[in-house]
Amino acid sequence: MLIIGTAIGQRESMTETKPIPGLALPRNDHALVLFSGGQDSTTCLAWALERFAHVETIGFTYGQRHSVEMECRGQVRKALAQMSGLSGAEWGSRLGEDHVLDLGNALHHVGQSALTGRSPIEIGQGGLPTSFVPGRNLIFLTYAAALGWRRGLRRIVGGMCETDYSGYPDCRDDTIKAMQLALNTGMEAHFVLETPLMWLTKAETWSLAHSLGGPTLVALIEEETHTCYLGDRSQRHPWGYGCGECPACALRAEGWREWQAASSA
């Protein structure tokens, strides 16, 4: 059973043979996707391109250890622009401008995370992984909403996930709900924060990608996206590049294996 999230707080279930909920709706909405160049954000971008009339992307540099992820963005966008989705629509006709915001080293100075420094990635004293960057998604969503407000992009799409998440509190559904309320109140706007992966396991995220773009999209995610926290692009695995040891690699690899096993059953 594949569970697809639409707007925050909603859960819809379907089998892999049924249409993805919401994709037959009128596509006159404009969206902004938080796009890092990783597996989850690439899947979200494909989901948005299939769903909305116009889609722009936003990425952030913040001194992250795995900055190679940002280097993957251009190739992924270029490849997606050449693809068509379930509806037969050409995604390139819907893909709009890309925005990259440089946050400098502010998050490193404030958060002192293993994701912005060189300390080992492990479970910290408070039970959170040392890769947790305090407030990162809150900051990203605030910048995205400010840009969306100016450009008329009222649907903000993010790859936050509570099912297979790494213990990050800013990935929780309750956090996203609270952010939607705060952004709409503070900007007198009507943003909808879309989290299509919120209730999916990593295996179901692979399945969603296959449902959206078939083997072509899966191959693109395997070859061109990056997830590894250490920024390792020297080792190629069946599921893509990475060190194969960090939590991000382990989660991506296990999800890929589970999806492959389910697909061949």
Protein backbone atom coordinates (compact mmCIF):
# COMPACT_ATOMS: atom_id res chain seq x y z
CA MET A 1 0.00 0.00 0.00
CA LEU A 2 1.41 3.37 -1.04
CA ILE A 3 0.38 6.41 0.99
CA ILE A 4 0.52 9.78 -0.72
CA GLY A 5 0.41 13.05 1.20
CA THR A 6 -1.21 16.03 -0.50
CA ALA A 7 -1.52 19.16 1.61
CA ILE A 8 -0.31 18.99 5.18
CA GLY A 9 -2.34 16.93 7.58
CA GLN A 10 -3.93 14.79 4.85
CA ARG A 11 -3.30 11.12 4.26
CA GLU A 12 -4.59 9.30 1.19
CA SER A 13 -3.91 5.68 0.37
CA MET A 14 -3.80 3.87 -2.93
CA THR A 15 -2.31 0.87 -4.57
CA GLU A 16 0.43 1.33 -7.13
CA THR A 17 -2.03 0.67 -9.97
CA LYS A 18 -4.31 3.58 -9.11
CA PRO A 19 -3.81 7.22 -10.17
CA ILE A 20 -1.91 9.44 -7.81
CA PRO A 21 -4.45 11.55 -5.87
CA GLY A 22 -4.76 15.17 -6.93
CA LEU A 23 -2.90 14.90 -10.22
CA ALA A 24 -6.10 15.16 -12.26
CA LEU A 25 -7.01 18.48 -10.64
CA PRO A 26 -6.89 21.74 -12.66
CA ARG A 27 -3.27 22.75 -13.03
CA ASN A 28 -3.64 26.51 -12.75
CA ASP A 29 -1.76 26.78 -9.45
CA HIS A 30 1.84 27.98 -9.30
CA ALA A 31 4.31 26.29 -6.97
CA LEU A 32 7.76 26.73 -5.47
CA VAL A 33 9.73 23.57 -4.66
CA LEU A 34 12.49 23.43 -2.04
CA PHE A 35 15.03 21.69 -4.28
CA SER A 36 18.41 20.57 -2.99
CA GLY A 37 19.38 18.10 -5.71
CA GLY A 38 18.74 15.08 -3.49
CA GLN A 39 16.42 12.12 -3.93
CA ASP A 40 13.51 13.48 -1.92
CA SER A 41 13.46 16.97 -3.39
CA THR A 42 13.81 15.58 -6.93
CA THR A 43 10.82 13.33 -6.34
CA CYS A 44 8.91 16.33 -4.99
CA LEU A 45 9.85 18.39 -8.03
CA ALA A 46 8.56 15.68 -10.37
CA TRP A 47 5.38 15.47 -8.28
CA ALA A 48 4.87 19.23 -8.57
CA LEU A 49 5.58 19.28 -12.32
CA GLU A 50 2.90 16.67 -12.83
CA ARG A 51 0.43 18.57 -10.68
CA PHE A 52 0.86 22.32 -11.21
CA ALA A 53 0.84 24.66 -14.21
CA HIS A 54 4.02 26.51 -13.29
CA VAL A 55 6.79 25.35 -10.96
CA GLU A 56 9.88 27.22 -9.78
CA THR A 57 12.66 25.90 -7.57
CA ILE A 58 14.66 27.31 -4.68
CA GLY A 59 17.89 26.03 -3.17
CA PHE A 60 20.13 27.20 -0.34
CA THR A 61 23.85 27.24 0.28
CA TYR A 62 24.64 27.40 3.97
CA GLY A 63 28.08 25.88 4.33
CA GLN A 64 26.68 22.37 4.19
CA ARG A 65 29.14 19.50 4.27
CA HIS A 66 27.43 17.81 1.32
CA SER A 67 27.50 20.85 -0.97
CA VAL A 68 27.96 18.49 -3.94
CA GLU A 69 24.20 18.04 -3.67
CA MET A 70 23.77 21.60 -4.90
CA GLU A 71 26.04 20.87 -7.85
CA CYS A 72 23.61 18.15 -8.97
CA ARG A 73 20.66 20.52 -9.24
CA GLY A 74 21.33 21.86 -12.71
CA GLN A 75 21.64 18.47 -14.37
CA VAL A 76 18.56 17.16 -12.60
CA ARG A 77 16.48 20.16 -13.67
CA LYS A 78 17.74 19.83 -17.24
CA ALA A 79 16.81 16.14 -17.36
CA LEU A 80 13.37 16.68 -15.83
CA ALA A 81 12.66 19.37 -18.42
CA GLN A 82 13.02 16.70 -21.11
CA MET A 83 10.54 14.33 -19.49
CA SER A 84 6.79 13.85 -19.60
CA GLY A 85 4.67 12.54 -16.76
CA LEU A 86 1.58 10.39 -16.34
CA SER A 87 -0.70 12.98 -17.90
CA GLY A 88 1.47 13.23 -21.00
CA ALA A 89 2.27 16.84 -20.16
CA GLU A 90 5.78 17.98 -21.00
CA TRP A 91 7.38 18.95 -17.72
CA GLY A 92 9.71 21.39 -19.45
CA SER A 93 6.75 23.61 -20.33
CA ARG A 94 5.93 23.89 -16.63
CA LEU A 95 9.41 24.27 -15.18
CA GLY A 96 10.22 27.88 -14.42
CA GLU A 97 13.04 29.85 -12.87
CA ASP A 98 15.56 28.49 -10.37
CA HIS A 99 16.54 30.56 -7.33
CA VAL A 100 19.60 29.95 -5.15
CA LEU A 101 19.99 31.86 -1.90
CA ASP A 102 23.36 32.08 -0.19
CA LEU A 103 22.93 32.00 3.58
CA GLY A 104 26.68 32.02 4.14
CA ASN A 105 27.87 30.30 7.30
CA ALA A 106 25.06 31.61 9.49
CA LEU A 107 23.55 28.19 10.18
CA HIS A 108 26.97 26.78 11.04
CA HIS A 109 27.69 29.57 13.51
CA VAL A 110 24.27 29.26 15.12
CA GLY A 111 23.77 25.50 15.06
CA GLN A 112 27.24 23.94 15.22
CA SER A 113 25.99 20.85 13.39
CA ALA A 114 27.93 17.92 11.96
CA LEU A 115 26.19 18.75 8.68
CA THR A 116 27.95 22.11 8.50
CA GLY A 117 31.18 21.07 10.22
CA ARG A 118 33.54 18.11 10.39
CA SER A 119 32.43 16.42 13.59
CA PRO A 120 31.24 12.79 13.45
CA ILE A 121 27.60 12.10 12.66
CA GLU A 122 26.15 10.29 15.68
CA ILE A 123 23.34 10.50 18.20
CA GLY A 124 23.87 13.47 20.51
CA GLN A 125 23.17 13.82 24.22
CA GLY A 126 19.64 15.07 23.66
CA GLY A 127 18.73 12.11 21.47
CA LEU A 128 18.97 14.06 18.21
CA PRO A 129 21.53 13.22 15.51
CA THR A 130 24.50 15.59 15.47
CA SER A 131 23.61 16.24 11.81
CA PHE A 132 20.53 18.17 12.95
CA VAL A 133 20.77 21.86 11.98
CA PRO A 134 18.49 23.75 14.41
CA GLY A 135 15.78 25.70 12.62
CA ARG A 136 16.98 24.82 9.11
CA ASN A 137 13.61 23.92 7.62
CA LEU A 138 11.94 26.80 9.45
CA ILE A 139 14.42 29.21 7.88
CA PHE A 140 14.12 27.60 4.44
CA LEU A 141 10.33 27.80 4.51
CA THR A 142 10.41 31.44 5.61
CA TYR A 143 12.69 32.43 2.74
CA ALA A 144 10.64 30.34 0.31
CA ALA A 145 7.42 31.99 1.45
CA ALA A 146 8.93 35.47 1.10
CA LEU A 147 9.99 34.65 -2.46
CA GLY A 148 6.67 32.98 -3.18
CA TRP A 149 4.78 36.01 -1.89
CA ARG A 150 6.65 38.27 -4.30
CA ARG A 151 6.33 35.94 -7.29
CA GLY A 152 2.78 34.73 -6.74
CA LEU A 153 3.76 31.16 -5.87
CA ARG A 154 1.27 30.05 -3.24
CA ARG A 155 2.04 26.32 -3.18
CA ILE A 156 5.33 25.60 -1.39
CA VAL A 157 6.51 22.01 -1.77
CA GLY A 158 9.02 20.36 0.56
CA GLY A 159 10.38 16.86 1.02
CA MET A 160 9.88 16.68 4.78
CA CYS A 161 9.01 13.19 5.95
CA GLU A 162 7.93 11.89 9.34
CA THR A 163 7.87 8.17 8.50
CA ASP A 164 11.52 7.50 7.77
CA TYR A 165 12.92 10.74 9.14
CA SER A 166 16.17 10.92 11.08
CA GLY A 167 14.70 12.35 14.27
CA TYR A 168 14.64 15.96 13.07
CA PRO A 169 11.79 17.86 14.78
CA ASP A 170 11.51 20.33 11.88
CA CYS A 171 10.46 17.45 9.60
CA ARG A 172 7.35 16.64 11.64
CA ASP A 173 3.87 17.20 10.28
CA ASP A 174 2.95 19.29 13.34
CA THR A 175 5.91 21.58 12.63
CA ILE A 176 4.83 22.12 9.02
CA LYS A 177 1.25 22.82 10.09
CA ALA A 178 2.48 25.41 12.57
CA MET A 179 4.71 27.00 9.93
CA GLN A 180 1.84 27.26 7.46
CA LEU A 181 -0.24 29.08 10.07
CA ALA A 182 2.64 31.38 11.01
CA LEU A 183 3.51 32.25 7.41
CA ASN A 184 -0.08 32.94 6.42
CA THR A 185 -0.64 35.06 9.52
CA GLY A 186 2.62 36.96 9.23
CA MET A 187 2.31 37.68 5.50
CA GLU A 188 -1.49 37.85 5.22
CA ALA A 189 -1.22 35.22 2.53
CA HIS A 190 -2.81 31.92 1.59
CA PHE A 191 0.14 29.58 1.29
CA VAL A 192 -0.33 25.84 1.21
CA LEU A 193 2.69 23.86 2.36
CA GLU A 194 2.69 20.63 0.36
CA THR A 195 4.58 17.64 1.78
CA PRO A 196 3.94 14.71 -0.58
CA LEU A 197 6.48 12.49 1.18
CA MET A 198 5.32 13.15 4.74
CA TRP A 199 3.77 9.72 5.33
CA LEU A 200 5.92 7.67 2.94
CA THR A 201 8.69 5.26 3.78
CA LYS A 202 11.83 5.57 1.68
CA ALA A 203 10.76 2.49 -0.28
CA GLU A 204 7.45 4.20 -1.05
CA THR A 205 9.34 7.31 -2.16
CA TRP A 206 11.16 5.18 -4.74
CA SER A 207 7.78 3.77 -5.75
CA LEU A 208 6.29 7.24 -6.09
CA ALA A 209 9.15 8.29 -8.38
CA HIS A 210 8.48 5.25 -10.56
CA SER A 211 4.76 6.08 -10.63
CA LEU A 212 5.50 9.65 -11.70
CA GLY A 213 8.19 9.14 -14.32
CA GLY A 214 8.76 5.42 -14.76
CA PRO A 215 12.21 3.86 -15.12
CA THR A 216 13.58 7.08 -16.62
CA LEU A 217 12.95 9.09 -13.47
CA VAL A 218 14.23 6.29 -11.24
CA ALA A 219 17.44 6.09 -13.30
CA LEU A 220 17.85 9.87 -13.06
CA ILE A 221 17.51 9.74 -9.27
CA GLU A 222 19.99 6.88 -9.02
CA GLU A 223 22.62 8.52 -11.21
CA GLU A 224 22.31 12.27 -10.77
CA THR A 225 20.89 13.02 -7.32
CA HIS A 226 22.94 13.08 -4.14
CA THR A 227 22.02 12.22 -0.56
CA CYS A 228 25.26 11.27 1.22
CA TYR A 229 25.99 13.52 4.21
CA LEU A 230 29.73 13.25 3.55
CA GLY A 231 29.42 14.47 -0.04
CA ASP A 232 31.01 11.29 -1.44
CA ARG A 233 30.56 10.93 -5.23
CA SER A 234 33.40 8.44 -5.69
CA GLN A 235 31.46 5.26 -4.90
CA ARG A 236 28.59 4.10 -7.14
CA HIS A 237 26.05 1.72 -5.63
CA PRO A 238 22.88 0.28 -7.21
CA TRP A 239 20.90 3.05 -5.48
CA GLY A 240 23.30 5.86 -6.43
CA TYR A 241 26.47 7.55 -5.20
CA GLY A 242 27.57 7.89 -1.59
CA CYS A 243 29.81 6.64 1.17
CA GLY A 244 27.36 3.85 1.93
CA GLU A 245 27.84 4.29 5.68
CA CYS A 246 26.25 7.55 6.83
CA PRO A 247 22.59 7.61 7.97
CA ALA A 248 21.44 9.23 4.72
CA CYS A 249 23.10 6.55 2.59
CA ALA A 250 21.80 3.77 4.82
CA LEU A 251 18.23 5.05 4.58
CA ARG A 252 18.39 5.52 0.81
CA ALA A 253 19.96 2.08 0.28
CA GLU A 254 17.49 0.25 2.52
CA GLY A 255 14.55 1.96 0.84
CA TRP A 256 15.87 1.03 -2.59
CA ARG A 257 16.31 -2.61 -1.57
CA GLU A 258 12.81 -2.79 -0.08
CA TRP A 259 11.30 -1.22 -3.20
CA GLN A 260 13.20 -3.58 -5.47
CA ALA A 261 12.07 -6.58 -3.43
CA ALA A 262 8.43 -5.45 -3.50
CA SER A 263 8.60 -4.74 -7.24
CA SER A 264 9.91 -8.21 -8.04
CA ALA A 265 7.55 -10.07 -5.70
